[in-house]
Protein backbone atom coordinates (compact mmCIF):
# COMPACT_ATOMS: atom_id res chain seq x y z
CA UNK A 1 -25.33 17.68 24.94
CA UNK A 2 -28.65 17.01 26.50
CA UNK A 3 -29.46 13.98 28.65
CA UNK A 4 -33.22 14.04 29.17
CA UNK A 5 -35.63 11.42 30.69
CA UNK A 6 -35.58 7.93 29.55
CA UNK A 7 -37.97 7.24 26.73
CA UNK A 8 -39.44 3.98 25.51
CA UNK A 9 -38.76 2.39 22.09
CA UNK A 10 -42.39 2.67 20.94
CA UNK A 11 -42.44 6.50 20.93
CA UNK A 12 -42.16 8.35 17.61
CA UNK A 13 -38.58 9.53 16.84
CA UNK A 14 -36.90 11.54 14.22
CA UNK A 15 -33.43 10.66 15.37
CA UNK A 16 -30.96 7.85 15.18
CA UNK A 17 -31.68 5.16 17.82
CA UNK A 18 -28.91 2.91 19.05
CA UNK A 19 -29.25 -0.16 21.33
CA UNK A 20 -26.29 -2.00 22.88
CA UNK A 21 -27.93 -5.41 23.51
CA UNK A 22 -27.26 -7.35 26.67
CA UNK A 23 -25.81 -10.41 24.98
CA UNK A 24 -23.48 -11.36 27.81
CA UNK A 25 -19.81 -11.73 26.95
CA UNK A 26 -20.26 -10.51 23.38
CA UNK A 27 -21.24 -7.58 21.22
CA UNK A 28 -24.46 -6.66 19.30
CA UNK A 29 -25.29 -3.01 18.52
CA UNK A 30 -28.69 -2.39 16.85
CA UNK A 31 -29.37 0.87 15.06
CA UNK A 32 -32.59 2.33 13.72
CA UNK A 33 -32.38 5.25 11.32
CA UNK A 34 -34.85 8.17 11.19
CA UNK A 35 -36.30 6.47 8.07
CA UNK A 36 -37.00 3.35 10.09
CA UNK A 37 -34.20 1.25 8.61
CA UNK A 38 -32.46 -1.26 10.81
CA UNK A 39 -28.78 -2.22 11.00
CA UNK A 40 -26.85 -4.50 13.23
CA UNK A 41 -23.22 -4.36 14.15
CA UNK A 42 -22.00 -7.68 15.50
CA UNK A 43 -24.45 -10.46 16.36
CA UNK A 44 -23.39 -11.81 19.75
CA UNK A 45 -23.87 -15.39 20.76
CA UNK A 46 -27.30 -15.31 22.44
CA UNK A 47 -29.67 -15.86 19.63
CA UNK A 48 -32.86 -16.21 21.67
CA UNK A 49 -32.43 -12.84 23.33
CA UNK A 50 -31.24 -11.13 20.16
CA UNK A 51 -34.19 -12.37 18.02
CA UNK A 52 -36.74 -11.66 20.82
CA UNK A 53 -35.45 -8.06 21.10
CA UNK A 54 -35.58 -7.53 17.31
CA UNK A 55 -39.08 -8.71 17.21
CA UNK A 56 -40.08 -6.54 20.18
CA UNK A 57 -39.08 -3.48 18.33
CA UNK A 58 -40.52 -4.76 14.96
CA UNK A 59 -37.20 -5.03 13.29
CA UNK A 60 -38.30 -7.82 10.98
CA UNK A 61 -35.89 -6.79 8.31
CA UNK A 62 -32.32 -5.69 8.62
CA UNK A 63 -30.92 -3.57 5.84
CA UNK A 64 -27.46 -4.80 6.81
CA UNK A 65 -25.63 -6.88 9.26
CA UNK A 66 -21.92 -6.25 10.02
CA UNK A 67 -19.67 -8.94 11.54
CA UNK A 68 -16.60 -7.12 12.83
CA UNK A 69 -14.35 -10.15 13.12
CA UNK A 70 -14.71 -13.97 13.36
CA UNK A 71 -14.81 -14.44 17.15
CA UNK A 72 -17.69 -16.46 18.41
CA UNK A 73 -19.05 -13.79 20.83
CA UNK A 74 -19.45 -11.52 17.83
CA UNK A 75 -21.12 -13.82 15.30
CA UNK A 76 -22.31 -16.97 17.02
CA UNK A 77 -26.05 -16.13 16.73
CA UNK A 78 -25.79 -15.34 13.02
CA UNK A 79 -27.23 -18.68 11.62
CA UNK A 80 -30.28 -18.52 13.94
CA UNK A 81 -30.70 -14.88 13.11
CA UNK A 82 -30.71 -15.48 9.42
CA UNK A 83 -33.38 -18.11 9.87
CA UNK A 84 -35.69 -15.72 11.66
CA UNK A 85 -34.97 -12.28 10.19
CA UNK A 86 -34.58 -11.02 6.63
CA UNK A 87 -31.05 -9.58 6.09
CA UNK A 88 -30.57 -7.68 2.83
CA UNK A 89 -26.81 -7.30 3.08
CA UNK A 90 -23.97 -8.87 5.17
CA UNK A 91 -20.61 -7.19 5.65
CA UNK A 92 -17.97 -9.87 6.45
CA UNK A 93 -14.61 -9.24 8.09
CA UNK A 94 -11.37 -9.52 5.98
CA UNK A 95 -10.40 -12.54 8.06
CA UNK A 96 -11.37 -16.11 8.64
CA UNK A 97 -11.36 -18.62 11.44
CA UNK A 98 -11.12 -22.50 11.25
CA UNK A 99 -13.57 -23.00 14.02
CA UNK A 100 -16.70 -25.11 13.34
CA UNK A 101 -18.93 -22.20 14.26
CA UNK A 102 -17.34 -19.84 11.79
CA UNK A 103 -17.41 -22.57 9.15
CA UNK A 104 -21.14 -23.00 9.77
CA UNK A 105 -21.60 -19.26 9.12
CA UNK A 106 -19.69 -19.54 5.81
CA UNK A 107 -21.86 -22.59 4.80
CA UNK A 108 -25.05 -20.64 5.62
CA UNK A 109 -23.76 -17.73 3.61
CA UNK A 110 -23.11 -20.05 0.57
CA UNK A 111 -26.92 -20.37 0.28
CA UNK A 112 -27.65 -16.77 1.16
CA UNK A 113 -29.10 -14.71 -1.70
CA UNK A 114 -28.55 -11.28 -0.34
CA UNK A 115 -25.42 -9.16 -0.97
CA UNK A 116 -22.09 -9.92 0.65
CA UNK A 117 -19.27 -7.47 0.87
CA UNK A 118 -16.23 -6.47 3.04
CA UNK A 119 -15.35 -2.92 4.14
CA UNK A 120 -11.90 -1.35 4.40
CA UNK A 121 -10.64 1.93 5.76
CA UNK A 122 -11.88 4.76 3.48
CA UNK A 123 -15.10 3.05 2.44
CA UNK A 124 -18.23 5.11 3.14
CA UNK A 125 -21.89 3.94 3.31
CA UNK A 126 -25.05 5.97 3.31
CA UNK A 127 -27.59 4.19 5.61
CA UNK A 128 -30.39 6.69 5.26
CA UNK A 129 -30.89 10.39 4.63
CA UNK A 130 -28.36 12.13 6.88
CA UNK A 131 -26.86 8.82 8.26
CA UNK A 132 -23.38 8.03 7.07
CA UNK A 133 -20.94 5.31 8.02
CA UNK A 134 -17.23 5.77 7.55
CA UNK A 135 -14.98 2.77 7.77
CA UNK A 136 -11.79 3.62 9.79
CA UNK A 137 -10.23 0.28 10.03
CA UNK A 138 -8.72 -2.08 8.79
CA UNK A 139 -6.61 -1.13 5.80
CA UNK A 140 -6.19 -3.74 3.12
CA UNK A 141 -3.03 -5.93 3.60
CA UNK A 142 -2.38 -4.51 7.13
CA UNK A 143 -0.56 -7.58 8.10
CA UNK A 144 -2.49 -7.85 11.29
CA UNK A 145 -4.66 -10.72 12.48
CA UNK A 146 -7.08 -11.68 15.21
CA UNK A 147 -8.82 -8.86 17.10
CA UNK A 148 -6.85 -6.26 15.25
CA UNK A 149 -8.58 -6.76 12.00
CA UNK A 150 -11.92 -5.87 13.48
CA UNK A 151 -13.98 -3.63 11.23
CA UNK A 152 -14.17 -0.19 12.94
CA UNK A 153 -17.04 1.98 11.90
CA UNK A 154 -18.06 5.53 12.73
CA UNK A 155 -21.78 6.10 12.34
CA UNK A 156 -22.56 9.90 11.76
CA UNK A 157 -25.93 11.57 12.07
CA UNK A 158 -26.05 15.25 11.78
CA UNK A 159 -23.33 16.39 14.21
CA UNK A 160 -23.43 13.24 16.35
CA UNK A 161 -21.04 10.38 16.09
CA UNK A 162 -20.97 6.74 17.28
CA UNK A 163 -17.72 4.73 17.16
CA UNK A 164 -17.98 0.94 16.87
CA UNK A 165 -14.65 -0.68 17.64
CA UNK A 166 -15.03 -4.48 17.67
CA UNK A 167 -12.19 -6.00 19.61
CA UNK A 168 -9.31 -3.85 18.33
CA UNK A 169 -6.29 -3.88 20.51
CA UNK A 170 -3.59 -1.14 20.95
CA UNK A 171 -1.73 -2.06 17.69
CA UNK A 172 -4.86 -1.30 15.66
CA UNK A 173 -5.59 1.77 17.77
CA UNK A 174 -2.04 3.01 16.92
CA UNK A 175 -2.67 2.21 13.16
CA UNK A 176 -5.87 4.33 13.19
CA UNK A 177 -4.07 7.26 14.81
CA UNK A 178 -1.18 6.96 12.38
CA UNK A 179 -3.51 7.05 9.43
CA UNK A 180 -4.28 10.73 10.20
CA UNK A 181 -7.96 10.07 10.84
CA UNK A 182 -9.37 11.56 14.07
CA UNK A 183 -11.66 8.83 15.41
CA UNK A 184 -13.82 11.25 17.41
CA UNK A 185 -17.04 9.82 18.70
CA UNK A 186 -19.69 11.15 21.16
CA UNK A 187 -20.59 7.48 21.99
CA UNK A 188 -17.86 4.90 22.14
CA UNK A 189 -18.52 1.16 22.05
CA UNK A 190 -15.52 0.28 24.22
CA UNK A 191 -13.19 -2.09 22.40
CA UNK A 192 -12.79 -5.78 23.48
CA UNK A 193 -15.26 -5.54 26.25
CA UNK A 194 -13.02 -3.20 28.23
CA UNK A 195 -9.89 -5.24 28.11
CA UNK A 196 -6.59 -3.78 29.33
CA UNK A 197 -4.99 -4.78 25.96
CA UNK A 198 -7.23 -2.18 24.27
CA UNK A 199 -8.44 1.31 25.04
CA UNK A 200 -5.00 2.95 25.27
CA UNK A 201 -4.99 6.50 26.58
CA UNK A 202 -3.84 8.09 23.27
CA UNK A 203 -6.70 6.46 21.43
CA UNK A 204 -9.24 7.33 24.01
CA UNK A 205 -8.12 10.89 24.11
CA UNK A 206 -8.45 11.13 20.27
CA UNK A 207 -12.02 9.70 20.46
CA UNK A 208 -12.96 12.10 23.30
CA UNK A 209 -16.27 10.30 24.03
CA UNK A 210 -19.06 11.68 26.15
CA UNK A 211 -20.46 8.29 26.75
CA UNK A 212 -18.80 4.84 26.79
CA UNK A 213 -20.60 1.51 26.69
CA UNK A 214 -18.98 -1.71 27.67
CA UNK A 215 -20.69 -4.94 26.48
CA UNK A 216 -19.44 -7.68 28.85
CA UNK A 217 -20.07 -10.43 31.42
CA UNK A 218 -17.54 -9.98 34.19
CA UNK A 219 -18.03 -13.60 35.24
CA UNK A 220 -16.47 -14.88 32.05
CA UNK A 221 -12.97 -13.16 31.50
CA UNK A 222 -13.11 -10.50 34.27
CA UNK A 223 -14.01 -7.81 31.71
CA UNK A 224 -13.91 -4.86 32.06
CA UNK A 225 -10.42 -4.57 33.48
CA UNK A 226 -9.89 -1.96 36.18
CA UNK A 227 -7.08 -0.18 34.24
CA UNK A 228 -9.39 0.30 31.24
CA UNK A 229 -12.17 1.61 33.30
CA UNK A 230 -9.81 4.04 35.10
CA UNK A 231 -8.50 5.37 31.76
CA UNK A 232 -12.09 5.81 30.48
CA UNK A 233 -13.08 7.67 33.64
CA UNK A 234 -10.06 9.93 33.25
CA UNK A 235 -11.00 10.86 29.70
CA UNK A 236 -14.74 11.16 30.36
CA UNK A 237 -14.31 13.12 33.58
CA UNK A 238 -17.48 11.33 34.85
CA UNK A 239 -17.53 7.63 35.67
CA UNK A 240 -21.32 7.64 35.64
CA UNK A 241 -21.13 7.95 31.80
CA UNK A 242 -19.42 4.52 31.65
CA UNK A 243 -22.32 2.05 31.13
CA UNK A 244 -21.96 -1.69 31.34
CA UNK A 245 -24.41 -4.13 29.90
CA UNK A 246 -23.68 -6.62 32.76
CA UNK A 247 -25.06 -4.04 35.19
CA UNK A 248 -27.47 -1.90 33.08
CA UNK A 249 -28.77 -4.56 30.80
CA UNK A 250 -29.44 -3.31 27.26
CA UNK A 251 -28.51 0.23 26.84
CA UNK A 252 -30.30 2.62 24.49
CA UNK A 253 -29.62 6.08 23.13
CA UNK A 254 -31.20 8.52 20.73
CA UNK A 255 -29.15 10.99 18.72
CA UNK A 256 -30.66 14.02 17.01
CA UNK A 257 -30.21 17.79 16.59
CA UNK A 258 -31.16 18.26 20.26
CA UNK A 259 -28.29 16.16 21.48
CA UNK A 260 -28.00 12.60 22.90
CA UNK A 261 -30.38 11.03 25.27
CA UNK A 262 -30.62 7.73 26.89
CA UNK A 263 -33.78 5.82 26.15
CA UNK A 264 -35.42 2.74 27.58
CA UNK A 265 -34.72 -0.51 25.61
């Protein structure tokens, strides 16, 4: 794997670009395919920053937005986003939440004229030529709730893989491993902001990441927890490949046939 100089977002690229946005205690991962199509996994709860970033990279249309699960720090900015950015398709989690904020999202979606769908393990999407998304979790009728019904996606481009885990905890991690699917990913979006209730060693060993990104604000819940960071360092063998948005700001990568490189957001 190569790790070349940091590059800016305006440079021409034939690879898959990935941005882990600095949305504080929350998640938002923006992807741009080689065919210049934009996708967003989780929305975060900082609409002003999210929308400003999208506009700065000229992402005026999202081909799809994925909400992993109905926790505010993963969807709170959605109503504002939908007012400012065209979204062709919305993938909703197989769970609900009685909170006023989630009910607002559902009300907004009642008037939404795009496509709505829900993904389950085994579903596959083609985002662009050579870019495939495999759904690893959840299975229908899993009997789980809360964080453990987060939609887990593996984005594959050529031989490179990105694993997006929402807030799954160890029960869902065990479920993925028991399904027989190897959740390997070169870049891991660390589950649940680096919580000790997620990121078990058996799961991390199966993923075998080369980079790990933690989206967090340590001042809110104390994420990431020291135990999770220690386990990540053990698996990676190099703690400098654990990147935190509360320290680095927005983190960018480009994935192509040459390898994986960090890029300037």
